[in-house]
Amino acid sequence: MPQTFSAYSFKDVRCAIVGPGGAFSMGADAGVAEGGISIEMIADKDTMLIGADGSVMHSLAAGQGGTATIRLLKVSTVNFQLSMLYDLQTASSALWGQNVITVADTSRGDVITCLQCAFRRQPANLYAKDGNILEWAFNVGHVYGLLGGGAALGL
């Protein structure tokens, strides 16, 4: 019988980026904002057409493209690390689109791997009464994910 869970904590989430110019953690204890980390596919996997006679055709899309967004508190030191990576990688197309981002929930065994990641842009930055959240967005060439069954991971 599969193991069931009734609790979740961001404390169990690990996130890392590896690319030209750096490798570092962006998960728990990195100043991640309340909005956290999101990974999304860009397109639907299926397109369905219904013929004039009512017959159905499904078309499976081959694309694995997506987006990854890391939301950090203004005071997170990871903002500096990502800024340095961004500056280095925008200097040459030879360094562009080579990041790998991995997200894992070590309590549930979830593992999401994002390959061929490129910064979408620098985050919007607000200087105001209260500190803000910086959203680092990436375009992802290939998203591969497995929502686990609770296997403890050492990521």
N, C-alpha and C. Protein backbone atom coordinates (compact mmCIF):
# COMPACT_ATOMS: atom_id res chain seq x y z
N MET A 1 0.84 -1.18 0.00
CA MET A 1 0.00 0.00 0.00
C MET A 1 0.89 1.24 0.00
N PRO A 2 0.58 2.24 -0.88
CA PRO A 2 1.40 3.44 -0.95
C PRO A 2 1.35 4.23 0.36
N GLN A 3 2.48 4.86 0.67
CA GLN A 3 2.57 5.68 1.87
C GLN A 3 1.82 6.98 1.63
N THR A 4 1.06 7.45 2.61
CA THR A 4 0.35 8.72 2.49
C THR A 4 0.97 9.74 3.45
N PHE A 5 0.83 11.01 3.10
CA PHE A 5 1.40 12.08 3.88
C PHE A 5 0.31 13.08 4.25
N SER A 6 0.42 13.63 5.44
CA SER A 6 -0.56 14.63 5.84
C SER A 6 0.11 15.95 6.19
N ALA A 7 1.42 16.07 5.97
CA ALA A 7 2.12 17.31 6.28
C ALA A 7 3.10 17.64 5.17
N TYR A 8 3.34 18.92 5.01
CA TYR A 8 4.29 19.44 4.03
C TYR A 8 5.05 20.58 4.69
N SER A 9 6.31 20.73 4.36
CA SER A 9 7.10 21.86 4.82
C SER A 9 8.11 22.26 3.76
N PHE A 10 8.23 23.56 3.52
CA PHE A 10 9.24 24.04 2.59
C PHE A 10 10.65 23.73 3.10
N LYS A 11 10.76 23.46 4.38
CA LYS A 11 12.05 23.10 4.97
C LYS A 11 12.64 21.84 4.31
N ASP A 12 11.78 21.02 3.69
CA ASP A 12 12.21 19.79 3.04
C ASP A 12 12.56 19.99 1.56
N VAL A 13 12.39 21.21 1.06
CA VAL A 13 12.61 21.48 -0.36
C VAL A 13 14.06 21.90 -0.59
N ARG A 14 14.68 21.27 -1.56
CA ARG A 14 16.04 21.60 -1.97
C ARG A 14 15.96 22.08 -3.42
N CYS A 15 16.70 23.13 -3.71
CA CYS A 15 16.75 23.66 -5.07
C CYS A 15 18.18 24.11 -5.33
N ALA A 16 18.69 23.79 -6.50
CA ALA A 16 20.05 24.18 -6.85
C ALA A 16 20.11 24.56 -8.32
N ILE A 17 21.06 25.43 -8.63
CA ILE A 17 21.34 25.80 -10.01
C ILE A 17 22.81 25.52 -10.28
N VAL A 18 23.08 24.98 -11.46
CA VAL A 18 24.45 24.74 -11.91
C VAL A 18 24.52 25.26 -13.34
N GLY A 19 25.51 26.09 -13.61
CA GLY A 19 25.67 26.62 -14.95
C GLY A 19 27.00 27.31 -15.10
N PRO A 20 27.29 27.83 -16.29
CA PRO A 20 28.56 28.53 -16.49
C PRO A 20 28.71 29.66 -15.48
N GLY A 21 29.74 29.58 -14.66
CA GLY A 21 30.01 30.64 -13.69
C GLY A 21 29.57 30.36 -12.28
N GLY A 22 28.85 29.26 -12.03
CA GLY A 22 28.45 29.03 -10.65
C GLY A 22 27.59 27.80 -10.43
N ALA A 23 27.54 27.44 -9.16
CA ALA A 23 26.69 26.34 -8.69
C ALA A 23 26.36 26.64 -7.23
N PHE A 24 25.06 26.75 -6.90
CA PHE A 24 24.68 27.08 -5.54
C PHE A 24 23.24 26.69 -5.26
N SER A 25 22.91 26.70 -3.97
CA SER A 25 21.58 26.33 -3.50
C SER A 25 20.63 27.52 -3.55
N MET A 26 19.36 27.23 -3.85
CA MET A 26 18.32 28.27 -3.86
C MET A 26 17.06 27.79 -3.14
N GLY A 27 17.16 26.79 -2.28
CA GLY A 27 15.99 26.23 -1.60
C GLY A 27 15.86 26.75 -0.19
N ALA A 28 15.48 25.88 0.73
CA ALA A 28 15.31 26.24 2.13
C ALA A 28 16.62 26.86 2.64
N ASP A 29 16.51 27.86 3.47
CA ASP A 29 17.64 28.61 4.04
C ASP A 29 18.35 29.51 3.04
N ALA A 30 17.72 29.80 1.90
CA ALA A 30 18.33 30.69 0.91
C ALA A 30 17.58 32.01 0.79
N GLY A 31 16.64 32.28 1.69
CA GLY A 31 15.88 33.52 1.62
C GLY A 31 14.78 33.47 0.59
N VAL A 32 14.20 32.29 0.39
CA VAL A 32 13.10 32.14 -0.57
C VAL A 32 11.85 32.80 0.01
N ALA A 33 11.17 33.59 -0.80
CA ALA A 33 9.97 34.31 -0.37
C ALA A 33 8.79 33.36 -0.22
N GLU A 34 7.72 33.90 0.36
CA GLU A 34 6.52 33.10 0.62
C GLU A 34 5.96 32.44 -0.64
N GLY A 35 6.11 33.08 -1.79
CA GLY A 35 5.61 32.52 -3.05
C GLY A 35 6.41 31.32 -3.53
N GLY A 36 7.60 31.11 -2.98
CA GLY A 36 8.38 29.91 -3.25
C GLY A 36 8.94 29.78 -4.64
N ILE A 37 8.94 28.56 -5.11
CA ILE A 37 9.52 28.17 -6.39
C ILE A 37 8.41 27.54 -7.22
N SER A 38 8.32 27.93 -8.49
CA SER A 38 7.32 27.30 -9.34
C SER A 38 7.96 26.81 -10.63
N ILE A 39 7.51 25.64 -11.06
CA ILE A 39 7.93 25.04 -12.33
C ILE A 39 6.64 24.78 -13.11
N GLU A 40 6.60 25.27 -14.34
CA GLU A 40 5.40 25.09 -15.16
C GLU A 40 5.78 24.68 -16.57
N MET A 41 4.97 23.84 -17.16
CA MET A 41 5.13 23.51 -18.57
C MET A 41 4.57 24.69 -19.38
N ILE A 42 5.15 24.93 -20.55
CA ILE A 42 4.69 26.05 -21.38
C ILE A 42 3.42 25.71 -22.15
N ALA A 43 3.35 24.49 -22.65
CA ALA A 43 2.23 24.13 -23.52
C ALA A 43 1.52 22.88 -23.01
N ASP A 44 0.29 22.72 -23.44
CA ASP A 44 -0.45 21.50 -23.14
C ASP A 44 0.23 20.32 -23.83
N LYS A 45 0.11 19.16 -23.24
CA LYS A 45 0.68 17.95 -23.81
C LYS A 45 -0.23 17.35 -24.88
N ASP A 46 -1.51 17.69 -24.85
CA ASP A 46 -2.48 17.09 -25.76
C ASP A 46 -3.30 18.15 -26.47
N THR A 47 -3.56 17.88 -27.73
CA THR A 47 -4.54 18.64 -28.50
C THR A 47 -5.58 17.65 -28.99
N MET A 48 -6.84 17.96 -28.79
CA MET A 48 -7.90 17.04 -29.20
C MET A 48 -8.76 17.70 -30.26
N LEU A 49 -9.01 16.96 -31.32
CA LEU A 49 -9.92 17.40 -32.38
C LEU A 49 -11.09 16.43 -32.45
N ILE A 50 -12.25 16.99 -32.66
CA ILE A 50 -13.46 16.17 -32.82
C ILE A 50 -13.96 16.37 -34.24
N GLY A 51 -14.08 15.26 -34.97
CA GLY A 51 -14.51 15.31 -36.36
C GLY A 51 -16.00 15.62 -36.49
N ALA A 52 -16.40 15.91 -37.72
CA ALA A 52 -17.80 16.22 -38.01
C ALA A 52 -18.71 15.06 -37.64
N ASP A 53 -18.18 13.83 -37.68
CA ASP A 53 -19.00 12.66 -37.35
C ASP A 53 -18.88 12.28 -35.87
N GLY A 54 -18.16 13.09 -35.08
CA GLY A 54 -18.03 12.83 -33.65
C GLY A 54 -16.80 12.01 -33.26
N SER A 55 -16.03 11.55 -34.25
CA SER A 55 -14.82 10.80 -33.91
C SER A 55 -13.78 11.75 -33.30
N VAL A 56 -12.88 11.17 -32.52
CA VAL A 56 -11.92 11.95 -31.75
C VAL A 56 -10.49 11.61 -32.17
N MET A 57 -9.66 12.64 -32.23
CA MET A 57 -8.24 12.44 -32.48
C MET A 57 -7.45 13.22 -31.44
N HIS A 58 -6.55 12.52 -30.73
CA HIS A 58 -5.64 13.15 -29.80
C HIS A 58 -4.28 13.28 -30.46
N SER A 59 -3.63 14.42 -30.27
CA SER A 59 -2.27 14.63 -30.77
C SER A 59 -1.37 14.89 -29.57
N LEU A 60 -0.37 14.03 -29.38
CA LEU A 60 0.59 14.15 -28.29
C LEU A 60 1.72 15.07 -28.72
N ALA A 61 1.92 16.17 -27.98
CA ALA A 61 2.99 17.11 -28.28
C ALA A 61 4.31 16.61 -27.70
N ALA A 62 5.38 16.74 -28.46
CA ALA A 62 6.68 16.24 -28.03
C ALA A 62 7.42 17.21 -27.11
N GLY A 63 7.06 18.49 -27.14
CA GLY A 63 7.79 19.50 -26.39
C GLY A 63 7.79 19.28 -24.88
N GLN A 64 8.91 19.59 -24.25
CA GLN A 64 9.07 19.49 -22.80
C GLN A 64 9.42 20.84 -22.20
N GLY A 65 9.23 21.93 -22.96
CA GLY A 65 9.60 23.27 -22.52
C GLY A 65 8.75 23.76 -21.37
N GLY A 66 9.35 24.65 -20.57
CA GLY A 66 8.63 25.19 -19.44
C GLY A 66 9.25 26.47 -18.92
N THR A 67 8.85 26.84 -17.73
CA THR A 67 9.41 27.99 -17.04
C THR A 67 9.70 27.60 -15.59
N ALA A 68 10.69 28.25 -15.03
CA ALA A 68 11.01 28.09 -13.61
C ALA A 68 11.10 29.49 -13.02
N THR A 69 10.49 29.70 -11.87
CA THR A 69 10.54 31.00 -11.20
C THR A 69 10.95 30.79 -9.76
N ILE A 70 11.99 31.51 -9.35
CA ILE A 70 12.49 31.46 -7.98
C ILE A 70 12.19 32.83 -7.37
N ARG A 71 11.41 32.87 -6.30
CA ARG A 71 11.04 34.12 -5.64
C ARG A 71 11.88 34.29 -4.38
N LEU A 72 12.69 35.35 -4.35
CA LEU A 72 13.61 35.57 -3.23
C LEU A 72 13.30 36.88 -2.51
N LEU A 73 13.49 36.88 -1.21
CA LEU A 73 13.40 38.11 -0.45
C LEU A 73 14.51 39.06 -0.91
N LYS A 74 14.26 40.36 -0.86
CA LYS A 74 15.25 41.36 -1.27
C LYS A 74 16.59 41.16 -0.56
N VAL A 75 16.57 40.69 0.68
CA VAL A 75 17.78 40.55 1.49
C VAL A 75 18.52 39.23 1.27
N SER A 76 18.01 38.36 0.41
CA SER A 76 18.67 37.07 0.18
C SER A 76 20.00 37.27 -0.55
N THR A 77 21.05 36.61 -0.07
CA THR A 77 22.35 36.68 -0.73
C THR A 77 22.34 35.96 -2.08
N VAL A 78 21.34 35.13 -2.32
CA VAL A 78 21.23 34.43 -3.60
C VAL A 78 20.96 35.42 -4.74
N ASN A 79 20.36 36.58 -4.43
CA ASN A 79 20.16 37.61 -5.46
C ASN A 79 21.51 38.03 -6.06
N PHE A 80 22.50 38.21 -5.21
CA PHE A 80 23.84 38.57 -5.69
C PHE A 80 24.41 37.46 -6.56
N GLN A 81 24.29 36.22 -6.12
CA GLN A 81 24.82 35.10 -6.88
C GLN A 81 24.15 34.99 -8.25
N LEU A 82 22.82 35.15 -8.29
CA LEU A 82 22.11 35.10 -9.56
C LEU A 82 22.47 36.29 -10.44
N SER A 83 22.66 37.46 -9.84
CA SER A 83 23.06 38.65 -10.60
C SER A 83 24.41 38.43 -11.27
N MET A 84 25.35 37.86 -10.54
CA MET A 84 26.67 37.59 -11.09
C MET A 84 26.59 36.56 -12.23
N LEU A 85 25.77 35.53 -12.04
CA LEU A 85 25.58 34.52 -13.07
C LEU A 85 24.96 35.15 -14.32
N TYR A 86 23.94 35.98 -14.11
CA TYR A 86 23.27 36.67 -15.22
C TYR A 86 24.27 37.53 -16.00
N ASP A 87 25.05 38.34 -15.28
CA ASP A 87 26.02 39.21 -15.95
C ASP A 87 27.03 38.41 -16.77
N LEU A 88 27.54 37.34 -16.19
CA LEU A 88 28.51 36.51 -16.89
C LEU A 88 27.89 35.87 -18.13
N GLN A 89 26.72 35.28 -17.97
CA GLN A 89 26.12 34.52 -19.06
C GLN A 89 25.60 35.41 -20.19
N THR A 90 25.21 36.64 -19.89
CA THR A 90 24.75 37.55 -20.96
C THR A 90 25.91 38.12 -21.76
N ALA A 91 27.13 37.89 -21.33
CA ALA A 91 28.29 38.40 -22.05
C ALA A 91 28.56 37.65 -23.35
N SER A 92 28.10 36.40 -23.45
CA SER A 92 28.39 35.60 -24.64
C SER A 92 27.33 34.53 -24.85
N SER A 93 26.93 34.34 -26.09
CA SER A 93 25.97 33.28 -26.40
C SER A 93 26.56 31.90 -26.15
N ALA A 94 27.88 31.81 -26.09
CA ALA A 94 28.53 30.53 -25.79
C ALA A 94 28.23 30.07 -24.37
N LEU A 95 27.80 31.00 -23.49
CA LEU A 95 27.49 30.67 -22.10
C LEU A 95 25.98 30.62 -21.83
N TRP A 96 25.18 30.93 -22.83
CA TRP A 96 23.74 31.13 -22.65
C TRP A 96 22.96 29.82 -22.72
N GLY A 97 21.94 29.69 -21.89
CA GLY A 97 21.01 28.56 -21.97
C GLY A 97 21.57 27.24 -21.51
N GLN A 98 22.57 27.25 -20.64
CA GLN A 98 23.22 26.02 -20.20
C GLN A 98 22.98 25.69 -18.73
N ASN A 99 22.12 26.44 -18.05
CA ASN A 99 21.88 26.18 -16.63
C ASN A 99 21.02 24.92 -16.44
N VAL A 100 21.26 24.25 -15.33
CA VAL A 100 20.43 23.13 -14.88
C VAL A 100 19.89 23.50 -13.51
N ILE A 101 18.58 23.44 -13.36
CA ILE A 101 17.93 23.73 -12.08
C ILE A 101 17.25 22.44 -11.61
N THR A 102 17.52 22.07 -10.38
CA THR A 102 16.92 20.87 -9.79
C THR A 102 16.15 21.27 -8.54
N VAL A 103 14.92 20.77 -8.43
CA VAL A 103 14.09 21.00 -7.25
C VAL A 103 13.67 19.64 -6.71
N ALA A 104 13.80 19.46 -5.40
CA ALA A 104 13.42 18.19 -4.80
C ALA A 104 12.75 18.43 -3.46
N ASP A 105 11.73 17.64 -3.17
CA ASP A 105 11.12 17.59 -1.84
C ASP A 105 11.62 16.29 -1.22
N THR A 106 12.54 16.41 -0.30
CA THR A 106 13.22 15.23 0.22
C THR A 106 12.32 14.35 1.06
N SER A 107 11.21 14.87 1.57
CA SER A 107 10.30 14.03 2.35
C SER A 107 9.39 13.18 1.48
N ARG A 108 9.01 13.69 0.34
CA ARG A 108 8.09 12.98 -0.54
C ARG A 108 8.78 12.29 -1.70
N GLY A 109 10.03 12.64 -1.98
CA GLY A 109 10.73 12.04 -3.10
C GLY A 109 10.47 12.73 -4.43
N ASP A 110 9.85 13.92 -4.41
CA ASP A 110 9.66 14.67 -5.65
C ASP A 110 11.01 15.10 -6.19
N VAL A 111 11.19 14.97 -7.49
CA VAL A 111 12.40 15.49 -8.15
C VAL A 111 11.99 16.09 -9.49
N ILE A 112 12.32 17.36 -9.68
CA ILE A 112 12.07 18.05 -10.95
C ILE A 112 13.43 18.52 -11.46
N THR A 113 13.76 18.17 -12.69
CA THR A 113 15.01 18.61 -13.30
C THR A 113 14.68 19.47 -14.51
N CYS A 114 15.28 20.65 -14.54
CA CYS A 114 15.09 21.61 -15.63
C CYS A 114 16.41 21.77 -16.37
N LEU A 115 16.42 21.41 -17.65
CA LEU A 115 17.64 21.47 -18.46
C LEU A 115 17.55 22.60 -19.48
N GLN A 116 18.70 23.07 -19.92
CA GLN A 116 18.80 24.15 -20.90
C GLN A 116 18.04 25.38 -20.45
N CYS A 117 18.35 25.83 -19.25
CA CYS A 117 17.68 27.00 -18.66
C CYS A 117 18.43 28.29 -19.00
N ALA A 118 17.67 29.30 -19.39
CA ALA A 118 18.22 30.63 -19.65
C ALA A 118 17.41 31.65 -18.86
N PHE A 119 18.09 32.63 -18.32
CA PHE A 119 17.39 33.72 -17.64
C PHE A 119 16.41 34.36 -18.61
N ARG A 120 15.19 34.61 -18.16
CA ARG A 120 14.23 35.32 -19.01
C ARG A 120 14.57 36.81 -19.03
N ARG A 121 14.89 37.34 -17.86
CA ARG A 121 15.26 38.75 -17.71
C ARG A 121 15.72 38.97 -16.28
N GLN A 122 16.29 40.13 -16.01
CA GLN A 122 16.55 40.49 -14.61
C GLN A 122 15.21 40.76 -13.94
N PRO A 123 15.11 40.50 -12.64
CA PRO A 123 13.83 40.74 -11.98
C PRO A 123 13.53 42.23 -11.80
N ALA A 124 12.25 42.55 -11.74
CA ALA A 124 11.85 43.91 -11.40
C ALA A 124 12.30 44.17 -9.96
N ASN A 125 12.76 45.39 -9.71
CA ASN A 125 13.31 45.71 -8.40
C ASN A 125 12.69 47.01 -7.91
N LEU A 126 12.07 46.96 -6.76
CA LEU A 126 11.37 48.11 -6.19
C LEU A 126 12.08 48.56 -4.92
N TYR A 127 12.32 49.85 -4.82
CA TYR A 127 12.85 50.43 -3.58
C TYR A 127 11.71 51.24 -2.98
N ALA A 128 11.21 50.79 -1.83
CA ALA A 128 10.05 51.43 -1.21
C ALA A 128 10.13 51.29 0.31
N LYS A 129 9.01 51.61 0.98
CA LYS A 129 8.95 51.53 2.44
C LYS A 129 9.28 50.13 2.93
N ASP A 130 8.70 49.14 2.31
CA ASP A 130 8.93 47.74 2.68
C ASP A 130 9.81 47.07 1.64
N GLY A 131 10.61 46.11 2.10
CA GLY A 131 11.41 45.33 1.18
C GLY A 131 10.52 44.53 0.24
N ASN A 132 11.05 44.18 -0.90
CA ASN A 132 10.22 43.50 -1.90
C ASN A 132 10.72 42.09 -2.17
N ILE A 133 10.07 41.45 -3.11
CA ILE A 133 10.41 40.09 -3.55
C ILE A 133 10.94 40.19 -4.97
N LEU A 134 12.07 39.55 -5.21
CA LEU A 134 12.63 39.51 -6.56
C LEU A 134 12.30 38.16 -7.18
N GLU A 135 11.69 38.20 -8.36
CA GLU A 135 11.31 36.97 -9.07
C GLU A 135 12.29 36.74 -10.21
N TRP A 136 13.09 35.70 -10.06
CA TRP A 136 14.04 35.30 -11.09
C TRP A 136 13.36 34.26 -11.97
N ALA A 137 13.09 34.63 -13.22
CA ALA A 137 12.38 33.75 -14.15
C ALA A 137 13.34 33.18 -15.18
N PHE A 138 13.16 31.90 -15.49
CA PHE A 138 13.98 31.19 -16.46
C PHE A 138 13.09 30.53 -17.50
N ASN A 139 13.53 30.57 -18.75
CA ASN A 139 12.93 29.72 -19.77
C ASN A 139 13.68 28.40 -19.73
N VAL A 140 12.93 27.31 -19.80
CA VAL A 140 13.50 25.97 -19.62
C VAL A 140 13.27 25.16 -20.89
N GLY A 141 14.34 24.61 -21.44
CA GLY A 141 14.23 23.80 -22.65
C GLY A 141 13.54 22.48 -22.43
N HIS A 142 13.86 21.82 -21.31
CA HIS A 142 13.28 20.51 -21.01
C HIS A 142 13.00 20.41 -19.51
N VAL A 143 11.75 20.08 -19.18
CA VAL A 143 11.36 19.84 -17.79
C VAL A 143 11.07 18.35 -17.65
N TYR A 144 11.76 17.72 -16.71
CA TYR A 144 11.51 16.32 -16.40
C TYR A 144 11.19 16.23 -14.93
N GLY A 145 10.06 15.64 -14.60
CA GLY A 145 9.68 15.59 -13.20
C GLY A 145 9.04 14.28 -12.80
N LEU A 146 9.24 13.98 -11.56
CA LEU A 146 8.61 12.81 -10.97
C LEU A 146 8.15 13.20 -9.58
N LEU A 147 6.86 13.11 -9.34
CA LEU A 147 6.32 13.37 -8.01
C LEU A 147 6.36 12.06 -7.27
N GLY A 148 7.22 12.02 -6.26
CA GLY A 148 7.60 10.76 -5.63
C GLY A 148 6.63 10.18 -4.65
N GLY A 149 6.98 9.01 -4.22
CA GLY A 149 6.18 8.25 -3.28
C GLY A 149 6.72 8.30 -1.87
N GLY A 150 7.55 9.30 -1.56
CA GLY A 150 8.00 9.44 -0.20
C GLY A 150 9.41 8.95 0.07
N ALA A 151 10.13 8.56 -0.97
CA ALA A 151 11.50 8.09 -0.75
C ALA A 151 12.37 9.25 -0.30
N ALA A 152 13.09 9.09 0.78
CA ALA A 152 13.99 10.12 1.27
C ALA A 152 15.15 10.27 0.31
N LEU A 153 15.48 11.52 -0.02
CA LEU A 153 16.54 11.80 -0.98
C LEU A 153 17.67 12.54 -0.30
N GLY A 154 18.84 12.43 -0.85
CA GLY A 154 19.99 13.11 -0.31
C GLY A 154 20.43 14.28 -1.15
N LEU A 155 19.50 15.03 -1.76
CA LEU A 155 19.86 16.15 -2.61
C LEU A 155 20.15 17.37 -1.79
